[in-house]
Structure formats: structure tokens, C-alpha cells
Amino acid sequence: MQQTQSEPKTALVVVAHPDDAEFGCGGTLAAWAAEGWEITLVVCTDGSGGGPDDATDVGPAARRRISEIRKAEQQAAAKILGLKEVIFLDYPDGMLQPTLELRRDIVRQIRRIRAQRVVCQSPDRVWTPQYSIPRFHPDHLAAANATLAAVYPAAQNGWDFPELLAEGYPPSKVREVYITGAPVLNFAVDISATIEQKLAALRCHVSQLGTDQTELAGRVRQWAAERGQEFGLPLAEAFHRVEN
């Protein structure tokens, strides 16, 4: 993909929760940022369902507290990766649906930054032992379905969401999409130079991953090495990449 000299390189990453981007593509985002890409991260939910599984205090105040903590963790992680900004759409965590409202919110962000690249989670379940359960998360599936519907045709079609024209956001065509956790992976990014940034970004998410992430770091390195081996790279993150 080629840009003119004056054209900024813009990418939009859409995920369901804080920490999803770090796990799925943190090394890739750090590599792109180092190449001069301006990257906006959109987190669809408020992260308010990310407390301990055995918690008994799950009322509004507790949900607000964990939401605030997770948002701060996400901002810190984004800074480490070199992202330009983080947008929280604040849909209730655990209740995300691929609604027209969510689609419009994502279209708004695509058009606002004139995104050339979009990264999203997979809309499909993967029936393999590794990573299977996280890929079943309904919020992940909903965010992915809404994002792909936003990319095509809505973002580039002025007839979709005409109210966005009134807001000053004309149609904008996404050139390529990178899908994390897809059943079919056809593209990989070498993250050898950015694996430490990925791990440092993950360490920001203490509320979800704890303070001692030694074991997790080992697993992340192993996953990156396994992906890299598939594509002839030392350490990699893999995607299903499509052009529009």
C-alpha cells in the first residue's frame, strides 16, 4: 500500500475490552507506530465486568471502580505501544451486541481519522485447543461483527448513517483489514523488535493479570515463537489480512 508524501498513515484498532489489543496485536501496533503510523484504539465496552470471577460486590459503584481502573491501565499501555489516542465507547461490559448504534459509532471513528488500516477481532469461533475460550467471548464476536460491517459498506457509503455527514464526517474507504484470532491466518508481522513493548504494555493491566506476570510472559513468548515458525519469522503475530 502506498501513500502520498503528505498523506498521514492512519490505523484504527477496534476491540471489545481493555487489554484485548495488547494480547492480540500489541507487538504489531508498536512496530507500526515506530514506522510512523498514527494509531487510534477504540475500546467498545467500559471494562466494568472485569473484576474477580468470585466477587460478591458487583453493584454500580464496584463496576464504576473497576471501569476507571481498567481505563487508566489501557491508557498507560497505549502510551507504551506508541498509540496516538484511546477512545472508549462505554457500552456495558458483557452485554455488547453488534447493533446499528455500535456500527455507527465505529463508522464515525473510521471517517474521523480517515483510517487506511483497521484491526479487529475475529467474528468467528475457532475450534482449536489453544485460545479457544477467549475467542468464544460474545463481546469479542459482537465487536468484530460490528467493525467489519462498519468497514464495508458503511464507512465508504454516504447513504449509510447520513447523520454522520451532518457531523462533518464524509465517506472514507478503508484499504486493508487485519483480523486477529481468525480461523485462517494468511499474514504475519515480525515482532522481534517490539516483544518487550508488548510485554510491558501487558504489565499495565494489573487488575486483570496481577503483578507477577513471569509465567504469562513466558507463554506470550512461546505463542509468538510458534506463530513465527509458521511464517518463517523469529517472533510473530498473525492475522487474516484482506484488502478493500
C-alpha atoms as a PDB file:
ATOM      1  CA  MET A   1       0.000   0.000   0.000  1.00  0.00           C
ATOM      2  CA  GLN A   2       1.397   3.389  -0.972  1.00  0.00           C
ATOM      3  CA  GLN A   3       0.655   6.824   0.443  1.00  0.00           C
ATOM      4  CA  THR A   4       1.484  10.209  -0.945  1.00  0.00           C
ATOM      5  CA  GLN A   5       4.224  12.074   0.909  1.00  0.00           C
ATOM      6  CA  SER A   6       1.747  14.368   2.679  1.00  0.00           C
ATOM      7  CA  GLU A   7      -0.844  11.723   3.473  1.00  0.00           C
ATOM      8  CA  PRO A   8      -0.763  10.562   7.112  1.00  0.00           C
ATOM      9  CA  LYS A   9      -0.689   6.849   7.776  1.00  0.00           C
ATOM     10  CA  THR A  10      -3.730   6.157   9.943  1.00  0.00           C
ATOM     11  CA  ALA A  11      -4.902   2.944  11.564  1.00  0.00           C
ATOM     12  CA  LEU A  12      -7.942   2.162  13.706  1.00  0.00           C
ATOM     13  CA  VAL A  13      -7.926  -0.753  16.131  1.00  0.00           C
ATOM     14  CA  VAL A  14     -11.312  -1.879  17.474  1.00  0.00           C
ATOM     15  CA  VAL A  15     -11.553  -4.317  20.389  1.00  0.00           C
ATOM     16  CA  ALA A  16     -14.136  -5.230  22.988  1.00  0.00           C
ATOM     17  CA  HIS A  17     -12.173  -4.711  26.224  1.00  0.00           C
ATOM     18  CA  PRO A  18      -9.099  -3.115  27.746  1.00  0.00           C
ATOM     19  CA  ASP A  19      -6.095  -5.481  27.255  1.00  0.00           C
ATOM     20  CA  ASP A  20      -7.587  -7.177  24.149  1.00  0.00           C
ATOM     21  CA  ALA A  21      -5.335  -5.181  21.831  1.00  0.00           C
ATOM     22  CA  GLU A  22      -2.195  -5.916  23.838  1.00  0.00           C
ATOM     23  CA  PHE A  23      -2.819  -9.660  23.703  1.00  0.00           C
ATOM     24  CA  GLY A  24      -3.907  -9.794  20.072  1.00  0.00           C
ATOM     25  CA  CYS A  25      -1.631  -7.325  18.327  1.00  0.00           C
ATOM     26  CA  GLY A  26       0.435  -5.310  20.801  1.00  0.00           C
ATOM     27  CA  GLY A  27       3.751  -6.085  19.117  1.00  0.00           C
ATOM     28  CA  THR A  28       2.363  -5.224  15.707  1.00  0.00           C
ATOM     29  CA  LEU A  29       0.943  -1.900  16.872  1.00  0.00           C
ATOM     30  CA  ALA A  30       4.263  -0.941  18.432  1.00  0.00           C
ATOM     31  CA  ALA A  31       6.037  -1.818  15.165  1.00  0.00           C
ATOM     32  CA  TRP A  32       3.583   0.226  13.109  1.00  0.00           C
ATOM     33  CA  ALA A  33       3.852   3.180  15.482  1.00  0.00           C
ATOM     34  CA  ALA A  34       7.629   3.088  15.078  1.00  0.00           C
ATOM     35  CA  GLU A  35       7.094   3.242  11.308  1.00  0.00           C
ATOM     36  CA  GLY A  36       5.089   6.453  11.671  1.00  0.00           C
ATOM     37  CA  TRP A  37       1.532   5.149  11.761  1.00  0.00           C
ATOM     38  CA  GLU A  38      -0.948   7.228  13.763  1.00  0.00           C
ATOM     39  CA  ILE A  39      -2.963   4.598  15.611  1.00  0.00           C
ATOM     40  CA  THR A  40      -6.301   5.116  17.341  1.00  0.00           C
ATOM     41  CA  LEU A  41      -7.540   2.397  19.674  1.00  0.00           C
ATOM     42  CA  VAL A  42     -11.309   2.049  20.120  1.00  0.00           C
ATOM     43  CA  VAL A  43     -12.457   0.023  23.133  1.00  0.00           C
ATOM     44  CA  CYS A  44     -16.144  -0.785  22.740  1.00  0.00           C
ATOM     45  CA  THR A  45     -17.040  -1.596  26.347  1.00  0.00           C
ATOM     46  CA  ASP A  46     -16.445   0.212  29.615  1.00  0.00           C
ATOM     47  CA  GLY A  47     -14.489  -2.705  31.087  1.00  0.00           C
ATOM     48  CA  SER A  48     -16.825  -2.791  34.087  1.00  0.00           C
ATOM     49  CA  GLY A  49     -17.202  -6.579  34.051  1.00  0.00           C
ATOM     50  CA  GLY A  50     -13.525  -7.320  34.548  1.00  0.00           C
ATOM     51  CA  GLY A  51     -13.378  -7.877  38.288  1.00  0.00           C
ATOM     52  CA  PRO A  52     -12.687 -11.181  40.061  1.00  0.00           C
ATOM     53  CA  ASP A  53     -14.897 -14.043  38.923  1.00  0.00           C
ATOM     54  CA  ASP A  54     -15.873 -14.840  42.537  1.00  0.00           C
ATOM     55  CA  ALA A  55     -16.713 -11.253  43.511  1.00  0.00           C
ATOM     56  CA  THR A  56     -19.898 -10.717  45.507  1.00  0.00           C
ATOM     57  CA  ASP A  57     -19.947  -6.917  45.309  1.00  0.00           C
ATOM     58  CA  VAL A  58     -20.886  -6.349  41.679  1.00  0.00           C
ATOM     59  CA  GLY A  59     -23.105  -3.298  42.114  1.00  0.00           C
ATOM     60  CA  PRO A  60     -22.891   0.015  40.237  1.00  0.00           C
ATOM     61  CA  ALA A  61     -20.206   1.507  42.475  1.00  0.00           C
ATOM     62  CA  ALA A  62     -17.961  -1.532  42.136  1.00  0.00           C
ATOM     63  CA  ARG A  63     -18.441  -1.569  38.379  1.00  0.00           C
ATOM     64  CA  ARG A  64     -17.519   2.118  38.161  1.00  0.00           C
ATOM     65  CA  ARG A  65     -14.340   1.499  40.150  1.00  0.00           C
ATOM     66  CA  ILE A  66     -13.125  -1.374  38.005  1.00  0.00           C
ATOM     67  CA  SER A  67     -14.041   0.541  34.856  1.00  0.00           C
ATOM     68  CA  GLU A  68     -11.946   3.520  35.950  1.00  0.00           C
ATOM     69  CA  ILE A  69      -9.016   1.262  36.850  1.00  0.00           C
ATOM     70  CA  ARG A  70      -9.097  -0.613  33.562  1.00  0.00           C
ATOM     71  CA  LYS A  71      -9.372   2.579  31.527  1.00  0.00           C
ATOM     72  CA  ALA A  72      -6.314   4.004  33.284  1.00  0.00           C
ATOM     73  CA  GLU A  73      -4.443   0.747  32.664  1.00  0.00           C
ATOM     74  CA  GLN A  74      -5.375   0.879  28.993  1.00  0.00           C
ATOM     75  CA  GLN A  75      -4.183   4.452  28.629  1.00  0.00           C
ATOM     76  CA  ALA A  76      -0.845   3.522  30.202  1.00  0.00           C
ATOM     77  CA  ALA A  77      -0.469   0.505  27.917  1.00  0.00           C
ATOM     78  CA  ALA A  78      -1.319   2.565  24.836  1.00  0.00           C
ATOM     79  CA  LYS A  79       1.395   5.059  25.743  1.00  0.00           C
ATOM     80  CA  ILE A  80       3.972   2.261  25.918  1.00  0.00           C
ATOM     81  CA  LEU A  81       2.940   0.978  22.480  1.00  0.00           C
ATOM     82  CA  GLY A  82       3.095   4.457  20.971  1.00  0.00           C
ATOM     83  CA  LEU A  83      -0.589   4.795  20.131  1.00  0.00           C
ATOM     84  CA  LYS A  84      -1.964   8.225  19.358  1.00  0.00           C
ATOM     85  CA  GLU A  85      -5.226   8.003  21.327  1.00  0.00           C
ATOM     86  CA  VAL A  86      -7.714   5.701  23.029  1.00  0.00           C
ATOM     87  CA  ILE A  87     -11.471   6.075  22.541  1.00  0.00           C
ATOM     88  CA  PHE A  88     -13.862   4.339  24.959  1.00  0.00           C
ATOM     89  CA  LEU A  89     -17.361   3.818  23.553  1.00  0.00           C
ATOM     90  CA  ASP A  90     -18.562   2.772  27.040  1.00  0.00           C
ATOM     91  CA  TYR A  91     -21.044   0.053  26.140  1.00  0.00           C
ATOM     92  CA  PRO A  92     -21.738  -2.129  29.204  1.00  0.00           C
ATOM     93  CA  ASP A  93     -19.114  -4.843  29.561  1.00  0.00           C
ATOM     94  CA  GLY A  94     -20.544  -8.309  28.978  1.00  0.00           C
ATOM     95  CA  MET A  95     -23.605  -7.031  27.126  1.00  0.00           C
ATOM     96  CA  LEU A  96     -22.143  -5.892  23.799  1.00  0.00           C
ATOM     97  CA  GLN A  97     -24.261  -6.529  20.726  1.00  0.00           C
ATOM     98  CA  PRO A  98     -23.499  -5.789  17.023  1.00  0.00           C
ATOM     99  CA  THR A  99     -26.184  -3.129  16.894  1.00  0.00           C
ATOM    100  CA  LEU A 100     -26.617  -0.383  14.327  1.00  0.00           C
ATOM    101  CA  GLU A 101     -25.691   2.078  17.066  1.00  0.00           C
ATOM    102  CA  LEU A 102     -22.340   0.360  17.643  1.00  0.00           C
ATOM    103  CA  ARG A 103     -21.754   0.145  13.899  1.00  0.00           C
ATOM    104  CA  ARG A 104     -22.404   3.869  13.562  1.00  0.00           C
ATOM    105  CA  ASP A 105     -20.011   4.661  16.408  1.00  0.00           C
ATOM    106  CA  ILE A 106     -17.245   2.705  14.664  1.00  0.00           C
ATOM    107  CA  VAL A 107     -18.024   4.265  11.284  1.00  0.00           C
ATOM    108  CA  ARG A 108     -17.715   7.657  12.945  1.00  0.00           C
ATOM    109  CA  GLN A 109     -14.192   6.846  14.100  1.00  0.00           C
ATOM    110  CA  ILE A 110     -13.156   5.379  10.730  1.00  0.00           C
ATOM    111  CA  ARG A 111     -14.318   8.518   8.961  1.00  0.00           C
ATOM    112  CA  ARG A 112     -12.954  10.877  11.615  1.00  0.00           C
ATOM    113  CA  ILE A 113      -9.355   9.688  11.253  1.00  0.00           C
ATOM    114  CA  ARG A 114      -9.707   8.552   7.600  1.00  0.00           C
ATOM    115  CA  ALA A 115      -8.435   5.130   8.634  1.00  0.00           C
ATOM    116  CA  GLN A 116      -6.444   3.308   5.982  1.00  0.00           C
ATOM    117  CA  ARG A 117      -5.937   0.208   8.117  1.00  0.00           C
ATOM    118  CA  VAL A 118      -8.426  -1.350  10.515  1.00  0.00           C
ATOM    119  CA  VAL A 119      -7.603  -4.084  13.012  1.00  0.00           C
ATOM    120  CA  CYS A 120     -10.366  -6.053  14.704  1.00  0.00           C
ATOM    121  CA  GLN A 121     -11.038  -9.313  16.482  1.00  0.00           C
ATOM    122  CA  SER A 122     -12.405 -12.353  14.721  1.00  0.00           C
ATOM    123  CA  PRO A 123     -16.170 -12.703  14.244  1.00  0.00           C
ATOM    124  CA  ASP A 124     -15.740 -16.498  14.130  1.00  0.00           C
ATOM    125  CA  ARG A 125     -15.203 -19.079  16.833  1.00  0.00           C
ATOM    126  CA  VAL A 126     -12.063 -21.165  16.471  1.00  0.00           C
ATOM    127  CA  TRP A 127     -12.365 -24.863  17.305  1.00  0.00           C
ATOM    128  CA  THR A 128      -8.782 -25.478  18.368  1.00  0.00           C
ATOM    129  CA  PRO A 129      -7.485 -26.117  21.891  1.00  0.00           C
ATOM    130  CA  GLN A 130      -5.268 -23.044  22.120  1.00  0.00           C
ATOM    131  CA  TYR A 131      -7.014 -19.712  22.777  1.00  0.00           C
ATOM    132  CA  SER A 132     -10.446 -21.272  22.187  1.00  0.00           C
ATOM    133  CA  ILE A 133     -12.313 -19.957  25.214  1.00  0.00           C
ATOM    134  CA  PRO A 134     -11.346 -16.264  24.857  1.00  0.00           C
ATOM    135  CA  ARG A 135     -12.402 -16.425  21.234  1.00  0.00           C
ATOM    136  CA  PHE A 136     -15.857 -17.524  22.354  1.00  0.00           C
ATOM    137  CA  HIS A 137     -16.391 -14.291  24.294  1.00  0.00           C
ATOM    138  CA  PRO A 138     -19.643 -12.780  22.977  1.00  0.00           C
ATOM    139  CA  ASP A 139     -18.275  -9.243  23.346  1.00  0.00           C
ATOM    140  CA  HIS A 140     -15.342 -10.120  21.080  1.00  0.00           C
ATOM    141  CA  LEU A 141     -17.657 -11.578  18.442  1.00  0.00           C
ATOM    142  CA  ALA A 142     -20.004  -8.586  18.646  1.00  0.00           C
ATOM    143  CA  ALA A 143     -17.192  -6.038  18.329  1.00  0.00           C
ATOM    144  CA  ALA A 144     -15.787  -7.896  15.336  1.00  0.00           C
ATOM    145  CA  ASN A 145     -19.104  -8.183  13.527  1.00  0.00           C
ATOM    146  CA  ALA A 146     -19.878  -4.503  14.060  1.00  0.00           C
ATOM    147  CA  THR A 147     -16.411  -3.469  12.895  1.00  0.00           C
ATOM    148  CA  LEU A 148     -16.482  -5.475   9.677  1.00  0.00           C
ATOM    149  CA  ALA A 149     -19.953  -4.131   8.883  1.00  0.00           C
ATOM    150  CA  ALA A 150     -18.645  -0.620   9.557  1.00  0.00           C
ATOM    151  CA  VAL A 151     -15.673  -1.092   7.232  1.00  0.00           C
ATOM    152  CA  TYR A 152     -17.843  -2.271   4.357  1.00  0.00           C
ATOM    153  CA  PRO A 153     -20.010  -0.840   3.151  1.00  0.00           C
ATOM    154  CA  ALA A 154     -20.971   1.734   5.765  1.00  0.00           C
ATOM    155  CA  ALA A 155     -17.761   3.756   6.160  1.00  0.00           C
ATOM    156  CA  GLN A 156     -17.391   4.346   2.430  1.00  0.00           C
ATOM    157  CA  ASN A 157     -21.076   4.730   1.637  1.00  0.00           C
ATOM    158  CA  GLY A 158     -22.614   8.157   2.176  1.00  0.00           C
ATOM    159  CA  TRP A 159     -26.078   6.627   2.171  1.00  0.00           C
ATOM    160  CA  ASP A 160     -25.273   4.783   5.404  1.00  0.00           C
ATOM    161  CA  PHE A 161     -25.720   6.936   8.506  1.00  0.00           C
ATOM    162  CA  PRO A 162     -26.366  10.247   6.725  1.00  0.00           C
ATOM    163  CA  GLU A 163     -26.343  11.929  10.132  1.00  0.00           C
ATOM    164  CA  LEU A 164     -22.566  11.499  10.110  1.00  0.00           C
ATOM    165  CA  LEU A 165     -22.393  13.744   7.047  1.00  0.00           C
ATOM    166  CA  ALA A 166     -24.084  16.435   9.091  1.00  0.00           C
ATOM    167  CA  GLU A 167     -21.440  15.911  11.791  1.00  0.00           C
ATOM    168  CA  GLY A 168     -18.738  16.602   9.218  1.00  0.00           C
ATOM    169  CA  TYR A 169     -17.629  13.007   8.538  1.00  0.00           C
ATOM    170  CA  PRO A 170     -17.782  12.211   4.804  1.00  0.00           C
ATOM    171  CA  PRO A 171     -17.345   8.659   3.454  1.00  0.00           C
ATOM    172  CA  SER A 172     -13.899   7.145   3.872  1.00  0.00           C
ATOM    173  CA  LYS A 173     -12.608   3.911   2.370  1.00  0.00           C
ATOM    174  CA  VAL A 174     -10.520   1.503   4.426  1.00  0.00           C
ATOM    175  CA  ARG A 175      -7.765  -0.047   2.337  1.00  0.00           C
ATOM    176  CA  GLU A 176      -6.918  -3.131   4.396  1.00  0.00           C
ATOM    177  CA  VAL A 177      -8.241  -5.058   7.380  1.00  0.00           C
ATOM    178  CA  TYR A 178      -6.256  -7.191   9.821  1.00  0.00           C
ATOM    179  CA  ILE A 179      -8.284  -9.727  11.814  1.00  0.00           C
ATOM    180  CA  THR A 180      -6.760 -11.210  14.969  1.00  0.00           C
ATOM    181  CA  GLY A 181      -7.575 -14.739  16.112  1.00  0.00           C
ATOM    182  CA  ALA A 182      -9.140 -15.714  12.781  1.00  0.00           C
ATOM    183  CA  PRO A 183      -9.600 -19.371  11.773  1.00  0.00           C
ATOM    184  CA  VAL A 184      -7.444 -18.757   8.686  1.00  0.00           C
ATOM    185  CA  LEU A 185      -4.229 -16.772   9.132  1.00  0.00           C
ATOM    186  CA  ASN A 186      -2.512 -15.521   5.990  1.00  0.00           C
ATOM    187  CA  PHE A 187      -0.258 -12.685   7.176  1.00  0.00           C
ATOM    188  CA  ALA A 188       2.283 -12.210   9.946  1.00  0.00           C
ATOM    189  CA  VAL A 189       4.227  -9.314  11.436  1.00  0.00           C
ATOM    190  CA  ASP A 190       7.695  -9.797  12.887  1.00  0.00           C
ATOM    191  CA  ILE A 191       7.558  -8.562  16.491  1.00  0.00           C
ATOM    192  CA  SER A 192      11.109  -9.478  17.462  1.00  0.00           C
ATOM    193  CA  ALA A 193      11.951  -5.804  17.979  1.00  0.00           C
ATOM    194  CA  THR A 194       8.735  -4.999  19.866  1.00  0.00           C
ATOM    195  CA  ILE A 195       8.043  -8.061  22.028  1.00  0.00           C
ATOM    196  CA  GLU A 196       9.343  -6.208  25.096  1.00  0.00           C
ATOM    197  CA  GLN A 197       6.926  -3.343  24.444  1.00  0.00           C
ATOM    198  CA  LYS A 198       4.080  -5.839  24.150  1.00  0.00           C
ATOM    199  CA  LEU A 199       5.032  -7.424  27.483  1.00  0.00           C
ATOM    200  CA  ALA A 200       5.459  -4.019  29.134  1.00  0.00           C
ATOM    201  CA  ALA A 201       2.003  -2.993  27.895  1.00  0.00           C
ATOM    202  CA  LEU A 202       0.505  -6.187  29.293  1.00  0.00           C
ATOM    203  CA  ARG A 203       2.124  -5.435  32.655  1.00  0.00           C
ATOM    204  CA  CYS A 204      -0.018  -2.309  32.833  1.00  0.00           C
ATOM    205  CA  HIS A 205      -3.137  -4.457  33.198  1.00  0.00           C
ATOM    206  CA  VAL A 206      -2.540  -5.389  36.821  1.00  0.00           C
ATOM    207  CA  SER A 207      -6.250  -5.602  37.660  1.00  0.00           C
ATOM    208  CA  GLN A 208      -6.654  -8.475  35.194  1.00  0.00           C
ATOM    209  CA  LEU A 209      -3.232 -10.106  35.089  1.00  0.00           C
ATOM    210  CA  GLY A 210      -1.688  -9.462  38.505  1.00  0.00           C
ATOM    211  CA  THR A 211       1.702  -8.030  39.359  1.00  0.00           C
ATOM    212  CA  ASP A 212       3.795 -11.146  38.745  1.00  0.00           C
ATOM    213  CA  GLN A 213       3.463 -11.896  35.045  1.00  0.00           C
ATOM    214  CA  THR A 214       6.583 -14.057  34.693  1.00  0.00           C
ATOM    215  CA  GLU A 215       4.633 -17.134  33.670  1.00  0.00           C
ATOM    216  CA  LEU A 216       2.410 -15.137  31.322  1.00  0.00           C
ATOM    217  CA  ALA A 217       5.428 -13.535  29.657  1.00  0.00           C
ATOM    218  CA  GLY A 218       6.845 -16.986  29.008  1.00  0.00           C
ATOM    219  CA  ARG A 219       3.605 -18.105  27.398  1.00  0.00           C
ATOM    220  CA  VAL A 220       3.396 -14.967  25.259  1.00  0.00           C
ATOM    221  CA  ARG A 221       6.944 -15.530  24.019  1.00  0.00           C
ATOM    222  CA  GLN A 222       6.128 -19.146  23.256  1.00  0.00           C
ATOM    223  CA  TRP A 223       2.980 -18.191  21.323  1.00  0.00           C
ATOM    224  CA  ALA A 224       4.942 -15.598  19.343  1.00  0.00           C
ATOM    225  CA  ALA A 225       7.654 -18.141  18.551  1.00  0.00           C
ATOM    226  CA  GLU A 226       5.085 -20.707  17.401  1.00  0.00           C
ATOM    227  CA  ARG A 227       3.402 -18.156  15.160  1.00  0.00           C
ATOM    228  CA  GLY A 228       6.755 -17.052  13.849  1.00  0.00           C
ATOM    229  CA  GLN A 229       7.731 -20.599  12.974  1.00  0.00           C
ATOM    230  CA  GLU A 230       4.605 -20.924  10.838  1.00  0.00           C
ATOM    231  CA  PHE A 231       5.639 -17.882   8.799  1.00  0.00           C
ATOM    232  CA  GLY A 232       9.414 -18.189   8.849  1.00  0.00           C
ATOM    233  CA  LEU A 233       9.881 -15.412  11.406  1.00  0.00           C
ATOM    234  CA  PRO A 234      11.570 -15.485  14.829  1.00  0.00           C
ATOM    235  CA  LEU A 235       8.617 -13.979  16.745  1.00  0.00           C
ATOM    236  CA  ALA A 236       5.321 -13.000  15.154  1.00  0.00           C
ATOM    237  CA  GLU A 237       1.695 -12.013  15.486  1.00  0.00           C
ATOM    238  CA  ALA A 238      -0.557 -13.383  12.774  1.00  0.00           C
ATOM    239  CA  PHE A 239      -3.717 -12.103  11.129  1.00  0.00           C
ATOM    240  CA  HIS A 240      -6.174 -12.758   8.368  1.00  0.00           C
ATOM    241  CA  ARG A 241      -5.473  -9.768   6.131  1.00  0.00           C
ATOM    242  CA  VAL A 242      -7.844  -8.605   3.421  1.00  0.00           C
ATOM    243  CA  GLU A 243      -7.714  -5.655   1.048  1.00  0.00           C
ATOM    244  CA  ASN A 244     -10.688  -3.475   0.177  1.00  0.00           C
END
